[in-house]
Amino acid sequence: MSMDHDACANLLKSISHPIRLSLVKVLSDCEEMSVGSIQKVLDLPQSTVSQQLMKLKQVNAVSTRREGTRIYYKLIDHRIKQIIEIL
């Protein structure tokens, strides 16, 4: 699959933040995870995790599913999964 330079730069930009990179690494190893579970794994404040997950959602890197009061996140961009495998 060929990507133009702008699309490639935007994809890499979406995971260039250290916390977002950690988030996608964690999500690439699981089918899906709740914010609370991600927070515990990364030992970060819930607000930080939620803020960075929203940025990933805005670029369609992750999808969400609500179950009661919990929100579950899933990595859906296969290109990011491939990048994580290389790292």
N, C-alpha and C. Protein backbone atom coordinates (compact mmCIF):
# COMPACT_ATOMS: atom_id res chain seq x y z
N MET A 1 0.84 -1.16 0.00
CA MET A 1 0.00 0.00 0.00
C MET A 1 0.89 1.24 0.00
N SER A 2 0.64 2.13 -0.92
CA SER A 2 1.44 3.34 -1.03
C SER A 2 0.75 4.50 -0.32
N MET A 3 1.52 5.24 0.45
CA MET A 3 0.99 6.41 1.15
C MET A 3 1.76 7.63 0.67
N ASP A 4 1.04 8.77 0.54
CA ASP A 4 1.78 9.98 0.19
C ASP A 4 2.54 10.47 1.42
N HIS A 5 3.44 11.39 1.21
CA HIS A 5 4.30 11.85 2.29
C HIS A 5 3.52 12.51 3.42
N ASP A 6 2.48 13.27 3.10
CA ASP A 6 1.68 13.92 4.14
C ASP A 6 0.97 12.89 5.01
N ALA A 7 0.39 11.88 4.38
CA ALA A 7 -0.31 10.84 5.14
C ALA A 7 0.66 10.07 6.03
N CYS A 8 1.82 9.80 5.50
CA CYS A 8 2.84 9.08 6.27
C CYS A 8 3.29 9.93 7.46
N ALA A 9 3.52 11.21 7.23
CA ALA A 9 3.94 12.10 8.32
C ALA A 9 2.86 12.21 9.39
N ASN A 10 1.61 12.29 8.98
CA ASN A 10 0.51 12.37 9.95
C ASN A 10 0.39 11.10 10.77
N LEU A 11 0.58 9.97 10.14
CA LEU A 11 0.53 8.70 10.86
C LEU A 11 1.63 8.64 11.91
N LEU A 12 2.84 8.98 11.52
CA LEU A 12 3.96 8.95 12.46
C LEU A 12 3.79 10.00 13.56
N LYS A 13 3.23 11.14 13.21
CA LYS A 13 2.98 12.19 14.20
C LYS A 13 1.99 11.71 15.27
N SER A 14 1.02 10.91 14.86
CA SER A 14 0.00 10.44 15.81
C SER A 14 0.58 9.57 16.92
N ILE A 15 1.72 8.94 16.67
CA ILE A 15 2.33 8.10 17.71
C ILE A 15 3.68 8.64 18.17
N SER A 16 3.99 9.88 17.80
CA SER A 16 5.30 10.42 18.14
C SER A 16 5.42 10.86 19.60
N HIS A 17 4.32 11.09 20.27
CA HIS A 17 4.37 11.46 21.69
C HIS A 17 4.71 10.21 22.51
N PRO A 18 5.61 10.31 23.48
CA PRO A 18 6.02 9.11 24.24
C PRO A 18 4.86 8.37 24.91
N ILE A 19 3.88 9.10 25.43
CA ILE A 19 2.76 8.42 26.08
C ILE A 19 1.88 7.74 25.05
N ARG A 20 1.63 8.39 23.92
CA ARG A 20 0.81 7.75 22.87
C ARG A 20 1.52 6.52 22.33
N LEU A 21 2.83 6.58 22.21
CA LEU A 21 3.58 5.40 21.76
C LEU A 21 3.42 4.27 22.76
N SER A 22 3.51 4.58 24.04
CA SER A 22 3.29 3.55 25.07
C SER A 22 1.88 2.99 25.00
N LEU A 23 0.91 3.86 24.77
CA LEU A 23 -0.48 3.41 24.68
C LEU A 23 -0.68 2.43 23.53
N VAL A 24 -0.15 2.77 22.36
CA VAL A 24 -0.36 1.87 21.22
C VAL A 24 0.42 0.57 21.39
N LYS A 25 1.56 0.62 22.07
CA LYS A 25 2.28 -0.63 22.36
C LYS A 25 1.45 -1.54 23.25
N VAL A 26 0.86 -0.97 24.29
CA VAL A 26 0.01 -1.76 25.20
C VAL A 26 -1.20 -2.29 24.46
N LEU A 27 -1.86 -1.44 23.68
CA LEU A 27 -3.06 -1.87 22.97
C LEU A 27 -2.75 -2.88 21.86
N SER A 28 -1.55 -2.84 21.31
CA SER A 28 -1.22 -3.79 20.25
C SER A 28 -1.08 -5.21 20.78
N ASP A 29 -0.86 -5.33 22.08
CA ASP A 29 -0.73 -6.66 22.70
C ASP A 29 -2.06 -7.22 23.19
N CYS A 30 -3.13 -6.43 23.15
CA CYS A 30 -4.43 -6.86 23.68
C CYS A 30 -5.52 -6.64 22.64
N GLU A 31 -6.59 -7.37 22.80
CA GLU A 31 -7.75 -7.15 21.94
C GLU A 31 -8.34 -5.78 22.22
N GLU A 32 -8.58 -5.49 23.50
CA GLU A 32 -9.06 -4.19 23.93
C GLU A 32 -8.81 -4.05 25.42
N MET A 33 -8.77 -2.80 25.90
CA MET A 33 -8.52 -2.56 27.32
C MET A 33 -9.32 -1.35 27.78
N SER A 34 -9.70 -1.37 29.05
CA SER A 34 -10.37 -0.22 29.63
C SER A 34 -9.33 0.83 30.00
N VAL A 35 -9.80 2.07 30.17
CA VAL A 35 -8.91 3.15 30.56
C VAL A 35 -8.23 2.81 31.88
N GLY A 36 -8.99 2.27 32.83
CA GLY A 36 -8.43 1.91 34.13
C GLY A 36 -7.33 0.88 34.03
N SER A 37 -7.52 -0.11 33.18
CA SER A 37 -6.50 -1.15 32.99
C SER A 37 -5.24 -0.57 32.36
N ILE A 38 -5.42 0.28 31.38
CA ILE A 38 -4.27 0.93 30.72
C ILE A 38 -3.53 1.79 31.74
N GLN A 39 -4.29 2.51 32.53
CA GLN A 39 -3.72 3.39 33.55
C GLN A 39 -2.84 2.59 34.52
N LYS A 40 -3.31 1.43 34.93
CA LYS A 40 -2.54 0.60 35.86
C LYS A 40 -1.27 0.07 35.21
N VAL A 41 -1.37 -0.37 33.97
CA VAL A 41 -0.21 -0.92 33.27
C VAL A 41 0.88 0.15 33.09
N LEU A 42 0.46 1.35 32.70
CA LEU A 42 1.43 2.41 32.42
C LEU A 42 1.77 3.26 33.64
N ASP A 43 1.02 3.09 34.72
CA ASP A 43 1.24 3.86 35.95
C ASP A 43 1.21 5.36 35.68
N LEU A 44 0.11 5.78 35.02
CA LEU A 44 -0.09 7.18 34.69
C LEU A 44 -1.43 7.65 35.23
N PRO A 45 -1.61 8.95 35.44
CA PRO A 45 -2.92 9.45 35.88
C PRO A 45 -3.99 9.18 34.83
N GLN A 46 -5.20 8.93 35.30
CA GLN A 46 -6.32 8.64 34.41
C GLN A 46 -6.54 9.77 33.42
N SER A 47 -6.41 11.00 33.86
CA SER A 47 -6.64 12.14 32.96
C SER A 47 -5.63 12.17 31.82
N THR A 48 -4.40 11.82 32.10
CA THR A 48 -3.36 11.77 31.06
C THR A 48 -3.66 10.68 30.04
N VAL A 49 -4.02 9.51 30.53
CA VAL A 49 -4.35 8.39 29.65
C VAL A 49 -5.54 8.75 28.77
N SER A 50 -6.59 9.29 29.38
CA SER A 50 -7.80 9.65 28.62
C SER A 50 -7.51 10.71 27.57
N GLN A 51 -6.72 11.71 27.93
CA GLN A 51 -6.39 12.78 26.99
C GLN A 51 -5.64 12.24 25.77
N GLN A 52 -4.67 11.38 26.00
CA GLN A 52 -3.89 10.84 24.88
C GLN A 52 -4.69 9.84 24.06
N LEU A 53 -5.58 9.08 24.71
CA LEU A 53 -6.45 8.17 23.96
C LEU A 53 -7.40 8.95 23.06
N MET A 54 -7.89 10.09 23.53
CA MET A 54 -8.78 10.91 22.70
C MET A 54 -8.05 11.41 21.46
N LYS A 55 -6.78 11.75 21.60
CA LYS A 55 -6.01 12.18 20.43
C LYS A 55 -5.85 11.04 19.43
N LEU A 56 -5.66 9.84 19.93
CA LEU A 56 -5.57 8.68 19.05
C LEU A 56 -6.91 8.38 18.39
N LYS A 57 -7.99 8.61 19.12
CA LYS A 57 -9.33 8.39 18.56
C LYS A 57 -9.62 9.40 17.45
N GLN A 58 -9.17 10.64 17.63
CA GLN A 58 -9.41 11.69 16.64
C GLN A 58 -8.77 11.38 15.29
N VAL A 59 -7.70 10.60 15.30
CA VAL A 59 -7.04 10.24 14.03
C VAL A 59 -7.41 8.82 13.60
N ASN A 60 -8.45 8.27 14.21
CA ASN A 60 -8.97 6.94 13.88
C ASN A 60 -7.94 5.83 14.08
N ALA A 61 -7.08 6.00 15.08
CA ALA A 61 -6.12 4.95 15.41
C ALA A 61 -6.73 3.93 16.35
N VAL A 62 -7.70 4.37 17.16
CA VAL A 62 -8.37 3.48 18.11
C VAL A 62 -9.87 3.64 17.98
N SER A 63 -10.58 2.60 18.41
CA SER A 63 -12.04 2.67 18.50
C SER A 63 -12.42 2.47 19.96
N THR A 64 -13.65 2.83 20.28
CA THR A 64 -14.12 2.69 21.66
C THR A 64 -15.39 1.86 21.72
N ARG A 65 -15.57 1.27 22.89
CA ARG A 65 -16.80 0.52 23.18
C ARG A 65 -17.13 0.80 24.64
N ARG A 66 -18.38 1.20 24.88
CA ARG A 66 -18.81 1.49 26.25
C ARG A 66 -19.55 0.30 26.82
N GLU A 67 -19.21 -0.04 28.06
CA GLU A 67 -19.91 -1.10 28.79
C GLU A 67 -20.19 -0.54 30.19
N GLY A 68 -21.42 -0.09 30.40
CA GLY A 68 -21.76 0.56 31.66
C GLY A 68 -21.01 1.87 31.77
N THR A 69 -20.23 2.01 32.82
CA THR A 69 -19.45 3.25 33.01
C THR A 69 -18.04 3.13 32.46
N ARG A 70 -17.67 1.98 31.97
CA ARG A 70 -16.32 1.77 31.46
C ARG A 70 -16.26 1.96 29.95
N ILE A 71 -15.15 2.51 29.51
CA ILE A 71 -14.90 2.66 28.08
C ILE A 71 -13.69 1.81 27.73
N TYR A 72 -13.85 0.98 26.73
CA TYR A 72 -12.79 0.09 26.27
C TYR A 72 -12.22 0.62 24.96
N TYR A 73 -10.92 0.57 24.83
CA TYR A 73 -10.23 1.04 23.64
C TYR A 73 -9.58 -0.13 22.91
N LYS A 74 -9.58 -0.01 21.59
CA LYS A 74 -9.00 -1.05 20.74
C LYS A 74 -8.20 -0.36 19.64
N LEU A 75 -7.00 -0.84 19.39
CA LEU A 75 -6.17 -0.32 18.30
C LEU A 75 -6.71 -0.86 16.99
N ILE A 76 -7.09 0.04 16.09
CA ILE A 76 -7.72 -0.42 14.84
C ILE A 76 -6.91 -0.07 13.58
N ASP A 77 -5.91 0.76 13.71
CA ASP A 77 -5.11 1.12 12.53
C ASP A 77 -4.01 0.08 12.34
N HIS A 78 -4.17 -0.76 11.34
CA HIS A 78 -3.22 -1.85 11.10
C HIS A 78 -1.81 -1.34 10.79
N ARG A 79 -1.72 -0.14 10.24
CA ARG A 79 -0.40 0.43 9.94
C ARG A 79 0.38 0.70 11.22
N ILE A 80 -0.32 1.17 12.26
CA ILE A 80 0.34 1.41 13.54
C ILE A 80 0.79 0.09 14.15
N LYS A 81 -0.04 -0.94 14.02
CA LYS A 81 0.35 -2.26 14.52
C LYS A 81 1.64 -2.73 13.84
N GLN A 82 1.76 -2.50 12.55
CA GLN A 82 2.97 -2.89 11.83
C GLN A 82 4.18 -2.10 12.29
N ILE A 83 4.00 -0.82 12.54
CA ILE A 83 5.11 0.01 13.03
C ILE A 83 5.56 -0.48 14.40
N ILE A 84 4.62 -0.80 15.27
CA ILE A 84 4.94 -1.28 16.62
C ILE A 84 5.71 -2.59 16.54
N GLU A 85 5.34 -3.47 15.62
CA GLU A 85 6.05 -4.74 15.46
C GLU A 85 7.51 -4.50 15.07
N ILE A 86 7.75 -3.49 14.25
CA ILE A 86 9.11 -3.17 13.83
C ILE A 86 9.93 -2.64 15.00
N LEU A 87 9.28 -1.83 15.86
CA LEU A 87 9.99 -1.26 17.01
C LEU A 87 10.31 -2.33 18.01
